Amino acid sequence: MGGTRLHYDDVAPQGPDAGEPVVLVMGAGGRGRAWHLHQLPALVEAGHRVITYDSRGVPPSDPGEPGFTVGDLAADLAALIEHLDAGPCRLVGTSLGAHVVEELLLTRPELATAAVLMATRGRDDRLRAAAVRAEVELLDSGIALPPRYQAAQQAIQNLSPHTLNDDVEVSDWLSVFEQSLATGPGLRHQLSITPAPGRLAAYAAITTPCLVLAFADDLVTPPHLVAEVARAIPGATYRLVEHAGHYGYLERPEEVNRHILAFLRAAPAGPPHRTLHALPSGHRVPTP
């Protein structure tokens, strides 16, 4: 079959009263399994069917062709929701994943009943634009940096000083980063995707209820850029999570989960969904 193949996991709670499906969308280069550490267990315990996936460009999903866009990733997400008969559903995205969710809310709003947007931005300021260009240029150069150096830089860029100043905690993070560095052409393709100029104005057309979460110590997507998105989306709720960097959903999972679950409980429900049993992992779905 043609199209892009996506690897996904689909987990449903036990019992007859399954809540609305929730699809979790990871950031650039990140695997969907990162959600399984904290967010997936909390959502399943709350009664939700939870779907995670590796987006185009992240193995074992297809790498995609150079130049794919956020619109392509949003179309992939829509195809996945339809393939799994999960719509309309709740959506949770972080970083690039939030950008993808925002595009889906504009192009296929009938597939979503509520959305949580974490560490998102609707424009690039000069520093963020320069950082993206530099990272893409480094990948294009073919220079292979030592894993230990990459892990240290990843920690500095994505974690809060509250975490970095704890020797025991940061040692665990460095070990994880060193063993799970993202590589491959798909990462380069994803890093090249940044918000188009004027995208904030487009977000005024979003009608889906949204919670926008910022992380106070986020260097990659600082709170003032996240707050711009919240102001652009009519009726959006904005919350700030303290002592958290760009990976705030991993650093402060209990607080992040509390915000997500409270918002999803309060958001209007869609039509009833049939109860599903937990599905095995490793499925691949072709997308347009």
Protein backbone atom coordinates (compact mmCIF):
# COMPACT_ATOMS: atom_id res chain seq x y z
CA MET A 1 0.00 0.00 0.00
CA GLY A 2 1.16 3.54 -0.64
CA GLY A 3 1.57 6.42 1.74
CA THR A 4 3.55 6.92 4.91
CA ARG A 5 3.48 4.11 7.48
CA LEU A 6 3.17 5.07 11.14
CA HIS A 7 4.03 2.90 14.14
CA TYR A 8 1.53 3.26 17.00
CA ASP A 9 0.36 1.83 20.32
CA ASP A 10 -3.31 1.67 21.30
CA VAL A 11 -4.12 1.00 24.97
CA ALA A 12 -7.62 0.81 26.44
CA PRO A 13 -8.66 0.60 30.10
CA GLN A 14 -10.33 -2.44 31.58
CA GLY A 15 -14.06 -2.27 32.21
CA PRO A 16 -17.14 -1.18 30.25
CA ASP A 17 -16.94 2.59 30.75
CA ALA A 18 -14.08 3.71 28.54
CA GLY A 19 -13.71 7.46 28.25
CA GLU A 20 -13.05 9.36 25.06
CA PRO A 21 -9.90 8.35 23.19
CA VAL A 22 -6.84 10.54 23.79
CA VAL A 23 -4.12 10.79 21.13
CA LEU A 24 -0.71 11.96 22.37
CA VAL A 25 1.58 13.72 19.86
CA MET A 26 5.31 13.93 20.62
CA GLY A 27 7.79 16.68 19.72
CA ALA A 28 10.58 16.68 17.12
CA GLY A 29 12.61 13.48 17.10
CA GLY A 30 10.79 12.04 20.11
CA ARG A 31 9.25 8.58 20.22
CA GLY A 32 5.64 8.13 21.25
CA ARG A 33 6.77 5.72 23.96
CA ALA A 34 8.01 8.71 25.99
CA TRP A 35 4.36 9.29 26.93
CA HIS A 36 4.24 5.79 28.44
CA LEU A 37 6.37 6.85 31.41
CA HIS A 38 3.80 9.15 33.02
CA GLN A 39 0.93 10.41 30.86
CA LEU A 40 -0.37 7.15 29.41
CA PRO A 41 -0.74 5.36 32.79
CA ALA A 42 -2.56 8.35 34.31
CA LEU A 43 -4.94 8.68 31.37
CA VAL A 44 -5.69 4.95 31.22
CA GLU A 45 -6.32 4.92 34.97
CA ALA A 46 -8.78 7.79 34.41
CA GLY A 47 -10.65 5.59 31.94
CA HIS A 48 -9.34 6.84 28.59
CA ARG A 49 -8.30 4.80 25.60
CA VAL A 50 -4.82 6.19 24.81
CA ILE A 51 -3.08 6.19 21.43
CA THR A 52 0.59 7.08 21.02
CA TYR A 53 2.61 6.97 17.82
CA ASP A 54 5.94 7.73 16.19
CA SER A 55 5.39 10.53 13.70
CA ARG A 56 6.74 10.64 10.18
CA GLY A 57 10.52 10.93 10.43
CA VAL A 58 10.84 8.99 13.71
CA PRO A 59 11.81 5.29 13.40
CA PRO A 60 10.24 2.78 13.14
CA SER A 61 7.73 4.97 11.26
CA ASP A 62 8.75 5.93 7.73
CA PRO A 63 11.36 8.70 7.45
CA GLY A 64 9.40 10.70 4.88
CA GLU A 65 10.77 12.74 2.02
CA PRO A 66 12.75 15.95 2.55
CA GLY A 67 10.55 19.00 2.80
CA PHE A 68 7.50 17.50 4.44
CA THR A 69 5.47 20.08 6.32
CA VAL A 70 3.43 20.46 9.48
CA GLY A 71 0.40 20.11 7.21
CA ASP A 72 1.67 16.68 6.18
CA LEU A 73 2.11 15.68 9.83
CA ALA A 74 -1.40 16.91 10.63
CA ALA A 75 -2.76 14.84 7.72
CA ASP A 76 -0.90 11.82 9.14
CA LEU A 77 -2.53 12.40 12.52
CA ALA A 78 -5.97 12.69 10.93
CA ALA A 79 -5.43 9.46 8.99
CA LEU A 80 -4.37 7.66 12.17
CA ILE A 81 -7.47 8.84 14.07
CA GLU A 82 -9.71 7.70 11.24
CA HIS A 83 -7.92 4.38 10.80
CA LEU A 84 -8.44 3.57 14.48
CA ASP A 85 -12.04 4.84 14.50
CA ALA A 86 -11.00 7.12 17.37
CA GLY A 87 -12.59 10.38 16.33
CA PRO A 88 -13.65 12.72 17.61
CA CYS A 89 -11.07 12.49 20.35
CA ARG A 90 -9.01 14.45 22.85
CA LEU A 91 -5.54 15.53 21.68
CA VAL A 92 -2.39 16.28 23.68
CA GLY A 93 0.73 17.59 21.93
CA THR A 94 4.05 18.99 23.04
CA SER A 95 6.46 21.23 21.12
CA LEU A 96 6.28 20.22 17.41
CA GLY A 97 3.49 17.84 18.42
CA ALA A 98 1.44 20.80 19.68
CA HIS A 99 2.08 22.59 16.39
CA VAL A 100 0.74 19.52 14.56
CA VAL A 101 -2.36 19.46 16.77
CA GLU A 102 -2.98 23.15 16.11
CA GLU A 103 -2.91 22.53 12.35
CA LEU A 104 -5.34 19.63 12.71
CA LEU A 105 -7.69 21.88 14.72
CA LEU A 106 -7.68 24.24 11.73
CA THR A 107 -7.97 21.67 8.94
CA ARG A 108 -9.96 18.81 10.51
CA PRO A 109 -11.72 20.26 13.58
CA GLU A 110 -14.40 17.55 13.46
CA LEU A 111 -11.83 15.02 14.67
CA ALA A 112 -11.18 16.77 18.02
CA THR A 113 -13.28 17.64 21.05
CA ALA A 114 -10.50 19.19 23.18
CA ALA A 115 -6.76 19.80 22.94
CA VAL A 116 -3.87 20.30 25.35
CA LEU A 117 -1.00 22.26 23.80
CA MET A 118 2.30 22.16 25.70
CA ALA A 119 5.50 24.13 25.03
CA THR A 120 4.10 25.55 21.80
CA ARG A 121 4.71 28.76 19.91
CA GLY A 122 3.09 30.49 16.97
CA ARG A 123 6.20 32.25 15.70
CA ASP A 124 9.97 32.08 15.86
CA ASP A 125 11.80 34.95 17.51
CA ARG A 126 15.35 35.70 16.40
CA LEU A 127 17.05 33.45 18.95
CA ARG A 128 14.80 30.42 18.35
CA ALA A 129 15.16 30.81 14.56
CA ALA A 130 18.96 31.00 14.87
CA ALA A 131 19.04 27.93 17.12
CA VAL A 132 17.03 25.87 14.62
CA ARG A 133 19.22 26.95 11.71
CA ALA A 134 22.36 26.08 13.66
CA GLU A 135 21.06 22.62 14.58
CA VAL A 136 20.08 21.85 10.99
CA GLU A 137 23.46 23.07 9.73
CA LEU A 138 25.22 20.83 12.25
CA LEU A 139 23.26 17.80 11.03
CA ASP A 140 23.98 18.69 7.41
CA SER A 141 27.70 18.99 8.13
CA GLY A 142 27.93 15.30 8.95
CA ILE A 143 29.93 16.01 12.11
CA ALA A 144 29.31 13.31 14.72
CA LEU A 145 29.51 14.79 18.20
CA PRO A 146 30.39 12.51 21.14
CA PRO A 147 27.24 11.10 22.78
CA ARG A 148 28.31 12.40 26.18
CA TYR A 149 28.57 15.94 24.82
CA GLN A 150 25.19 15.68 23.10
CA ALA A 151 23.59 14.37 26.29
CA ALA A 152 24.97 17.25 28.34
CA GLN A 153 23.74 19.82 25.81
CA GLN A 154 20.32 18.17 25.68
CA ALA A 155 20.07 18.40 29.46
CA ILE A 156 21.10 22.06 29.58
CA GLN A 157 18.66 23.03 26.82
CA ASN A 158 15.63 21.04 27.94
CA LEU A 159 15.66 20.72 31.75
CA SER A 160 14.98 23.21 34.51
CA PRO A 161 17.81 24.50 36.72
CA HIS A 162 15.81 22.95 39.54
CA THR A 163 16.66 19.57 37.98
CA LEU A 164 20.13 20.44 36.74
CA ASN A 165 21.30 21.49 40.20
CA ASP A 166 20.36 18.12 41.71
CA ASP A 167 23.40 15.89 41.14
CA VAL A 168 21.55 12.64 41.67
CA GLU A 169 18.63 13.54 39.44
CA VAL A 170 20.71 15.01 36.64
CA SER A 171 22.95 11.92 36.58
CA ASP A 172 19.91 9.81 35.77
CA TRP A 173 18.85 12.20 33.03
CA LEU A 174 22.32 12.26 31.45
CA SER A 175 22.36 8.48 31.34
CA VAL A 176 18.96 8.37 29.66
CA PHE A 177 19.90 11.05 27.12
CA GLU A 178 23.19 9.36 26.23
CA GLN A 179 21.39 6.10 25.46
CA SER A 180 18.48 7.57 23.52
CA LEU A 181 19.85 10.28 21.24
CA ALA A 182 17.67 10.95 18.19
CA THR A 183 19.42 10.47 14.85
CA GLY A 184 18.66 9.93 11.17
CA PRO A 185 17.35 12.01 8.25
CA GLY A 186 13.85 12.16 9.68
CA LEU A 187 15.09 14.26 12.61
CA ARG A 188 16.56 16.78 10.20
CA HIS A 189 13.25 16.98 8.32
CA GLN A 190 11.32 17.57 11.55
CA LEU A 191 13.72 20.17 12.89
CA SER A 192 13.21 22.18 9.71
CA ILE A 193 9.51 22.62 10.51
CA THR A 194 8.91 25.94 12.28
CA PRO A 195 5.77 28.08 12.61
CA ALA A 196 5.04 30.02 9.43
CA PRO A 197 4.91 33.81 9.76
CA GLY A 198 1.45 34.98 10.67
CA ARG A 199 0.37 31.63 12.10
CA LEU A 200 -0.78 33.30 15.30
CA ALA A 201 -3.45 35.14 13.33
CA ALA A 202 -4.67 31.84 11.85
CA TYR A 203 -5.17 30.39 15.33
CA ALA A 204 -8.03 32.82 15.86
CA ALA A 205 -10.11 30.40 13.75
CA ILE A 206 -9.67 27.51 16.21
CA THR A 207 -12.98 26.67 17.89
CA THR A 208 -11.94 23.54 19.83
CA PRO A 209 -11.54 24.04 23.61
CA CYS A 210 -7.81 24.29 24.35
CA LEU A 211 -5.55 24.20 27.39
CA VAL A 212 -2.16 25.79 26.75
CA LEU A 213 0.61 24.74 29.15
CA ALA A 214 3.90 26.62 29.46
CA PHE A 215 6.96 25.54 31.44
CA ALA A 216 8.53 28.33 33.46
CA ASP A 217 12.17 27.40 32.74
CA ASP A 218 11.72 26.42 29.10
CA LEU A 219 14.58 27.80 26.98
CA VAL A 220 13.38 26.22 23.73
CA THR A 221 9.84 27.62 23.91
CA PRO A 222 9.77 30.27 26.65
CA PRO A 223 6.50 31.10 28.41
CA HIS A 224 6.02 34.46 26.68
CA LEU A 225 5.83 32.72 23.29
CA VAL A 226 3.49 30.06 24.66
CA ALA A 227 1.24 32.74 26.14
CA GLU A 228 0.93 34.33 22.70
CA VAL A 229 -0.66 31.12 21.41
CA ALA A 230 -3.08 31.06 24.35
CA ARG A 231 -4.12 34.64 23.62
CA ALA A 232 -4.55 33.88 19.91
CA ILE A 233 -6.93 30.93 20.40
CA PRO A 234 -10.41 32.12 21.42
CA GLY A 235 -11.33 30.95 24.91
CA ALA A 236 -8.08 29.05 25.51
CA THR A 237 -6.99 28.42 29.10
CA TYR A 238 -3.34 29.18 29.99
CA ARG A 239 -1.39 27.54 32.81
CA LEU A 240 2.27 27.89 33.85
CA VAL A 241 4.15 24.95 35.39
CA GLU A 242 7.00 26.04 37.67
CA HIS A 243 10.40 24.34 38.00
CA ALA A 244 10.06 22.76 34.55
CA GLY A 245 12.01 23.06 31.31
CA HIS A 246 11.05 22.03 27.79
CA TYR A 247 10.59 18.44 29.01
CA GLY A 248 8.22 19.58 31.74
CA TYR A 249 5.83 16.70 31.12
CA LEU A 250 8.67 14.41 32.27
CA GLU A 251 10.14 16.67 34.96
CA ARG A 252 6.83 17.57 36.64
CA PRO A 253 4.52 14.76 35.51
CA GLU A 254 2.17 14.85 38.48
CA GLU A 255 1.37 18.54 38.03
CA VAL A 256 1.16 18.25 34.24
CA ASN A 257 -1.14 15.22 34.51
CA ARG A 258 -3.31 17.05 37.02
CA HIS A 259 -3.80 19.93 34.58
CA ILE A 260 -4.49 17.58 31.66
CA LEU A 261 -7.01 15.42 33.51
CA ALA A 262 -8.87 18.36 35.04
CA PHE A 263 -9.18 20.00 31.64
CA LEU A 264 -10.32 16.82 29.87
CA ARG A 265 -12.94 16.17 32.55
CA ALA A 266 -14.35 19.67 32.13
CA ALA A 267 -14.28 19.76 28.32
CA PRO A 268 -17.49 18.93 26.42
CA ALA A 269 -17.70 15.26 25.45
CA GLY A 270 -18.13 14.00 21.93
CA PRO A 271 -20.39 11.14 20.80
CA PRO A 272 -20.09 7.82 22.68
CA HIS A 273 -17.28 5.49 21.63
CA ARG A 274 -17.44 1.75 21.63
CA THR A 275 -15.44 0.02 24.33
CA LEU A 276 -12.22 -1.57 23.08
CA HIS A 277 -9.89 -4.01 24.72
CA ALA A 278 -6.19 -3.21 24.84
CA LEU A 279 -4.61 -3.70 21.43
CA PRO A 280 -1.10 -5.09 20.88
CA SER A 281 1.60 -2.58 20.07
CA GLY A 282 3.58 -2.27 16.89
CA HIS A 283 0.78 -1.56 14.42
CA ARG A 284 1.65 0.40 11.28
CA VAL A 285 -0.96 2.37 9.42
CA PRO A 286 -0.55 3.77 5.88
CA THR A 287 -1.43 7.44 5.58
CA PRO A 288 -2.19 9.55 2.49
